[in-house]
C-alpha cells in the first residue's frame, strides 16, 4: 500500500475516495507545541492505508491534508488533521 501526492502513470482503476481524521488535545501548558502534529500525520496515513486496503486498493493517489485548530471555551485546543485521497487498483 502506498500514498502519493501525485497521480500514478500505470494503468489503474479508481475505487473511490478515502479519508481519515485524527485529533489531539493541547493542554494549556503545551499550547504552542505544534510539533505534536507529526504524530497526527502518521495516524491519519495509517488509517487511510487500512481503509483503502479493506476496499482492495493497491494505493492512494492525490493525497491531501487539511489542518485545523479547534478552540473550545471550556477545554484545551484540539489539533485536527484530515487526510483524503483517491484509492486505485492496478489493472494487470
N, C-alpha and C. Protein backbone atom coordinates (compact mmCIF):
# COMPACT_ATOMS: atom_id res chain seq x y z
N UNK A 1 0.85 -1.18 0.00
CA UNK A 1 0.00 0.00 0.00
C UNK A 1 0.89 1.23 0.00
N UNK A 2 0.61 2.16 -0.89
CA UNK A 2 1.38 3.38 -0.95
C UNK A 2 0.45 4.59 -0.95
N UNK A 3 1.01 5.72 -0.56
CA UNK A 3 0.32 7.00 -0.63
C UNK A 3 1.17 7.94 -1.47
N UNK A 4 0.52 8.73 -2.30
CA UNK A 4 1.25 9.68 -3.14
C UNK A 4 0.46 10.98 -3.26
N UNK A 5 1.17 12.08 -3.30
CA UNK A 5 0.51 13.36 -3.51
C UNK A 5 0.30 13.64 -5.00
N UNK A 6 0.80 12.75 -5.84
CA UNK A 6 0.68 12.88 -7.29
C UNK A 6 -0.19 11.76 -7.84
N UNK A 7 -0.49 11.83 -9.12
CA UNK A 7 -1.20 10.75 -9.79
C UNK A 7 -0.24 9.59 -10.01
N UNK A 8 -0.71 8.53 -10.67
CA UNK A 8 0.15 7.37 -10.92
C UNK A 8 0.05 7.02 -12.39
N UNK A 9 1.20 6.92 -13.09
CA UNK A 9 1.19 6.75 -14.55
C UNK A 9 0.78 5.35 -15.03
N UNK A 10 0.81 4.34 -14.19
CA UNK A 10 0.45 2.98 -14.58
C UNK A 10 -1.06 2.86 -14.72
N UNK A 11 -1.52 1.97 -15.61
CA UNK A 11 -2.96 1.75 -15.79
C UNK A 11 -3.58 1.31 -14.47
N UNK A 12 -4.70 1.95 -14.12
CA UNK A 12 -5.34 1.64 -12.85
C UNK A 12 -6.84 1.94 -12.91
N UNK A 13 -7.54 1.34 -11.97
CA UNK A 13 -8.97 1.56 -11.81
C UNK A 13 -9.18 2.42 -10.57
N UNK A 14 -10.04 3.41 -10.64
CA UNK A 14 -10.35 4.26 -9.49
C UNK A 14 -11.42 3.57 -8.66
N UNK A 15 -11.16 3.40 -7.37
CA UNK A 15 -12.10 2.73 -6.48
C UNK A 15 -12.93 3.70 -5.64
N UNK A 16 -12.55 4.95 -5.62
CA UNK A 16 -13.29 5.94 -4.83
C UNK A 16 -12.37 6.74 -3.93
N UNK A 17 -12.98 7.52 -3.09
CA UNK A 17 -12.25 8.41 -2.19
C UNK A 17 -12.17 7.79 -0.81
N UNK A 18 -11.03 7.96 -0.17
CA UNK A 18 -10.85 7.51 1.21
C UNK A 18 -10.44 8.72 2.04
N UNK A 19 -10.89 8.75 3.28
CA UNK A 19 -10.49 9.84 4.16
C UNK A 19 -10.31 9.32 5.58
N UNK A 20 -9.62 10.08 6.39
CA UNK A 20 -9.43 9.76 7.80
C UNK A 20 -9.12 11.04 8.55
N UNK A 21 -9.51 11.06 9.82
CA UNK A 21 -9.28 12.22 10.69
C UNK A 21 -8.71 11.75 12.01
N UNK A 22 -7.82 12.55 12.55
CA UNK A 22 -7.27 12.29 13.88
C UNK A 22 -7.16 13.62 14.60
N UNK A 23 -7.22 13.59 15.92
CA UNK A 23 -7.12 14.84 16.67
C UNK A 23 -6.30 14.62 17.94
N UNK A 24 -5.85 15.72 18.49
CA UNK A 24 -5.02 15.69 19.68
C UNK A 24 -5.38 16.90 20.54
N UNK A 25 -5.67 16.65 21.81
CA UNK A 25 -5.96 17.75 22.74
C UNK A 25 -4.66 18.42 23.14
N UNK A 26 -4.65 19.73 23.13
CA UNK A 26 -3.48 20.51 23.53
C UNK A 26 -3.75 21.14 24.89
N UNK A 27 -3.13 20.60 25.96
CA UNK A 27 -3.32 21.21 27.27
C UNK A 27 -2.77 22.64 27.28
N UNK A 28 -3.28 23.45 28.16
CA UNK A 28 -2.91 24.87 28.18
C UNK A 28 -1.40 25.08 28.37
N UNK A 29 -0.73 24.20 29.08
CA UNK A 29 0.71 24.39 29.28
C UNK A 29 1.53 24.04 28.03
N UNK A 30 0.93 23.36 27.07
CA UNK A 30 1.64 22.98 25.85
C UNK A 30 0.96 23.59 24.63
N UNK A 31 0.36 24.73 24.79
CA UNK A 31 -0.47 25.33 23.76
C UNK A 31 0.29 25.67 22.47
N UNK A 32 1.60 25.87 22.57
CA UNK A 32 2.39 26.21 21.38
C UNK A 32 3.20 25.04 20.85
N UNK A 33 2.93 23.84 21.30
CA UNK A 33 3.73 22.70 20.88
C UNK A 33 3.10 21.99 19.69
N UNK A 34 3.19 22.64 18.55
CA UNK A 34 2.57 22.13 17.35
C UNK A 34 3.38 21.02 16.69
N UNK A 35 4.56 20.70 17.21
CA UNK A 35 5.30 19.57 16.66
C UNK A 35 4.55 18.26 16.89
N UNK A 36 3.56 18.28 17.79
CA UNK A 36 2.71 17.11 18.01
C UNK A 36 1.93 16.74 16.75
N UNK A 37 1.84 17.66 15.82
CA UNK A 37 1.14 17.42 14.56
C UNK A 37 1.79 16.27 13.78
N UNK A 38 3.10 16.05 13.98
CA UNK A 38 3.79 14.97 13.28
C UNK A 38 3.14 13.62 13.55
N UNK A 39 2.77 13.35 14.79
CA UNK A 39 2.14 12.08 15.13
C UNK A 39 0.76 11.96 14.47
N UNK A 40 0.07 13.08 14.36
CA UNK A 40 -1.24 13.05 13.70
C UNK A 40 -1.12 12.62 12.24
N UNK A 41 -0.07 13.09 11.55
CA UNK A 41 0.13 12.70 10.16
C UNK A 41 0.31 11.19 10.06
N UNK A 42 1.11 10.61 10.94
CA UNK A 42 1.32 9.16 10.93
C UNK A 42 0.01 8.42 11.19
N UNK A 43 -0.76 8.89 12.17
CA UNK A 43 -2.04 8.26 12.50
C UNK A 43 -3.00 8.28 11.32
N UNK A 44 -3.13 9.44 10.69
CA UNK A 44 -4.06 9.59 9.57
C UNK A 44 -3.62 8.73 8.39
N UNK A 45 -2.33 8.70 8.11
CA UNK A 45 -1.84 7.88 6.99
C UNK A 45 -2.13 6.41 7.23
N UNK A 46 -1.91 5.93 8.44
CA UNK A 46 -2.17 4.52 8.76
C UNK A 46 -3.67 4.19 8.65
N UNK A 47 -4.52 5.10 9.11
CA UNK A 47 -5.97 4.89 8.99
C UNK A 47 -6.38 4.82 7.52
N UNK A 48 -5.83 5.72 6.70
CA UNK A 48 -6.17 5.74 5.28
C UNK A 48 -5.71 4.45 4.61
N UNK A 49 -4.51 3.99 4.93
CA UNK A 49 -3.99 2.75 4.34
C UNK A 49 -4.88 1.56 4.71
N UNK A 50 -5.27 1.49 5.96
CA UNK A 50 -6.12 0.39 6.42
C UNK A 50 -7.46 0.39 5.71
N UNK A 51 -8.09 1.55 5.61
CA UNK A 51 -9.41 1.65 4.96
C UNK A 51 -9.31 1.32 3.47
N UNK A 52 -8.25 1.80 2.82
CA UNK A 52 -8.08 1.52 1.39
C UNK A 52 -7.78 0.04 1.16
N UNK A 53 -6.99 -0.55 2.03
CA UNK A 53 -6.67 -1.97 1.93
C UNK A 53 -7.93 -2.82 2.06
N UNK A 54 -8.82 -2.43 2.97
CA UNK A 54 -10.08 -3.15 3.15
C UNK A 54 -10.97 -3.09 1.90
N UNK A 55 -10.77 -2.08 1.07
CA UNK A 55 -11.55 -1.93 -0.17
C UNK A 55 -10.83 -2.56 -1.37
N UNK A 56 -9.66 -3.17 -1.12
CA UNK A 56 -8.93 -3.84 -2.19
C UNK A 56 -8.02 -2.93 -3.00
N UNK A 57 -7.73 -1.75 -2.50
CA UNK A 57 -6.88 -0.80 -3.23
C UNK A 57 -5.40 -1.20 -3.14
N UNK A 58 -4.66 -0.83 -4.16
CA UNK A 58 -3.21 -1.01 -4.16
C UNK A 58 -2.50 0.23 -3.65
N UNK A 59 -3.17 1.37 -3.74
CA UNK A 59 -2.56 2.61 -3.29
C UNK A 59 -3.57 3.75 -3.24
N UNK A 60 -3.10 4.88 -2.77
CA UNK A 60 -3.91 6.10 -2.68
C UNK A 60 -3.12 7.22 -3.32
N UNK A 61 -3.74 7.89 -4.29
CA UNK A 61 -3.07 8.97 -5.01
C UNK A 61 -3.78 10.30 -4.75
N UNK A 62 -3.10 11.36 -5.16
CA UNK A 62 -3.63 12.72 -4.98
C UNK A 62 -4.00 12.99 -3.52
N UNK A 63 -3.17 12.51 -2.60
CA UNK A 63 -3.43 12.66 -1.17
C UNK A 63 -3.27 14.12 -0.77
N UNK A 64 -4.20 14.61 0.02
CA UNK A 64 -4.18 15.97 0.55
C UNK A 64 -4.50 15.92 2.04
N UNK A 65 -4.02 16.93 2.74
CA UNK A 65 -4.26 17.04 4.18
C UNK A 65 -4.79 18.42 4.50
N UNK A 66 -5.69 18.48 5.46
CA UNK A 66 -6.15 19.77 5.98
C UNK A 66 -5.93 19.76 7.49
N UNK A 67 -5.57 20.90 8.01
CA UNK A 67 -5.34 21.03 9.45
C UNK A 67 -6.28 22.09 10.01
N UNK A 68 -6.59 21.91 11.27
CA UNK A 68 -7.44 22.88 11.94
C UNK A 68 -7.10 22.87 13.43
N UNK A 69 -7.22 24.02 14.04
CA UNK A 69 -7.10 24.12 15.49
C UNK A 69 -8.48 24.50 16.00
N UNK A 70 -9.09 23.57 16.70
CA UNK A 70 -10.44 23.80 17.24
C UNK A 70 -10.32 24.40 18.63
N UNK A 71 -10.79 25.60 18.79
CA UNK A 71 -10.77 26.27 20.09
C UNK A 71 -12.05 25.97 20.85
N UNK A 72 -11.91 25.44 22.03
CA UNK A 72 -13.05 25.14 22.87
C UNK A 72 -13.07 26.14 24.03
N UNK A 73 -14.24 26.53 24.45
CA UNK A 73 -14.32 27.52 25.53
C UNK A 73 -13.98 26.91 26.89
N UNK A 74 -14.34 25.67 27.12
CA UNK A 74 -14.12 25.08 28.44
C UNK A 74 -13.07 23.98 28.43
N UNK A 75 -12.42 23.78 27.30
CA UNK A 75 -11.42 22.71 27.20
C UNK A 75 -10.20 23.24 26.46
N UNK A 76 -9.14 22.45 26.42
CA UNK A 76 -7.96 22.89 25.67
C UNK A 76 -8.24 22.89 24.17
N UNK A 77 -7.30 23.44 23.42
CA UNK A 77 -7.42 23.42 21.97
C UNK A 77 -7.23 21.99 21.46
N UNK A 78 -7.82 21.72 20.31
CA UNK A 78 -7.64 20.44 19.65
C UNK A 78 -6.97 20.68 18.31
N UNK A 79 -5.90 19.94 18.05
CA UNK A 79 -5.32 19.91 16.71
C UNK A 79 -6.08 18.84 15.95
N UNK A 80 -6.58 19.17 14.77
CA UNK A 80 -7.35 18.23 13.97
C UNK A 80 -6.70 18.13 12.60
N UNK A 81 -6.46 16.90 12.17
CA UNK A 81 -5.87 16.66 10.86
C UNK A 81 -6.76 15.70 10.09
N UNK A 82 -7.11 16.07 8.87
CA UNK A 82 -7.90 15.21 8.00
C UNK A 82 -7.10 14.97 6.73
N UNK A 83 -7.06 13.73 6.31
CA UNK A 83 -6.40 13.36 5.06
C UNK A 83 -7.40 12.72 4.13
N UNK A 84 -7.23 12.92 2.82
CA UNK A 84 -8.12 12.30 1.85
C UNK A 84 -7.38 12.08 0.55
N UNK A 85 -7.84 11.12 -0.21
CA UNK A 85 -7.21 10.81 -1.49
C UNK A 85 -8.06 9.84 -2.28
N UNK A 86 -7.57 9.47 -3.45
CA UNK A 86 -8.29 8.58 -4.37
C UNK A 86 -7.66 7.19 -4.31
N UNK A 87 -8.47 6.20 -3.99
CA UNK A 87 -7.99 4.81 -3.96
C UNK A 87 -7.91 4.28 -5.39
N UNK A 88 -6.80 3.57 -5.69
CA UNK A 88 -6.66 2.96 -7.02
C UNK A 88 -6.27 1.49 -6.87
N UNK A 89 -6.62 0.75 -7.91
CA UNK A 89 -6.23 -0.66 -8.02
C UNK A 89 -5.58 -0.81 -9.39
N UNK A 90 -4.40 -1.43 -9.42
CA UNK A 90 -3.70 -1.62 -10.69
C UNK A 90 -4.44 -2.60 -11.59
N UNK A 91 -4.42 -2.30 -12.87
CA UNK A 91 -5.00 -3.20 -13.88
C UNK A 91 -3.87 -4.08 -14.37
N UNK A 92 -4.05 -5.37 -14.23
CA UNK A 92 -3.00 -6.32 -14.59
C UNK A 92 -3.11 -6.69 -16.04
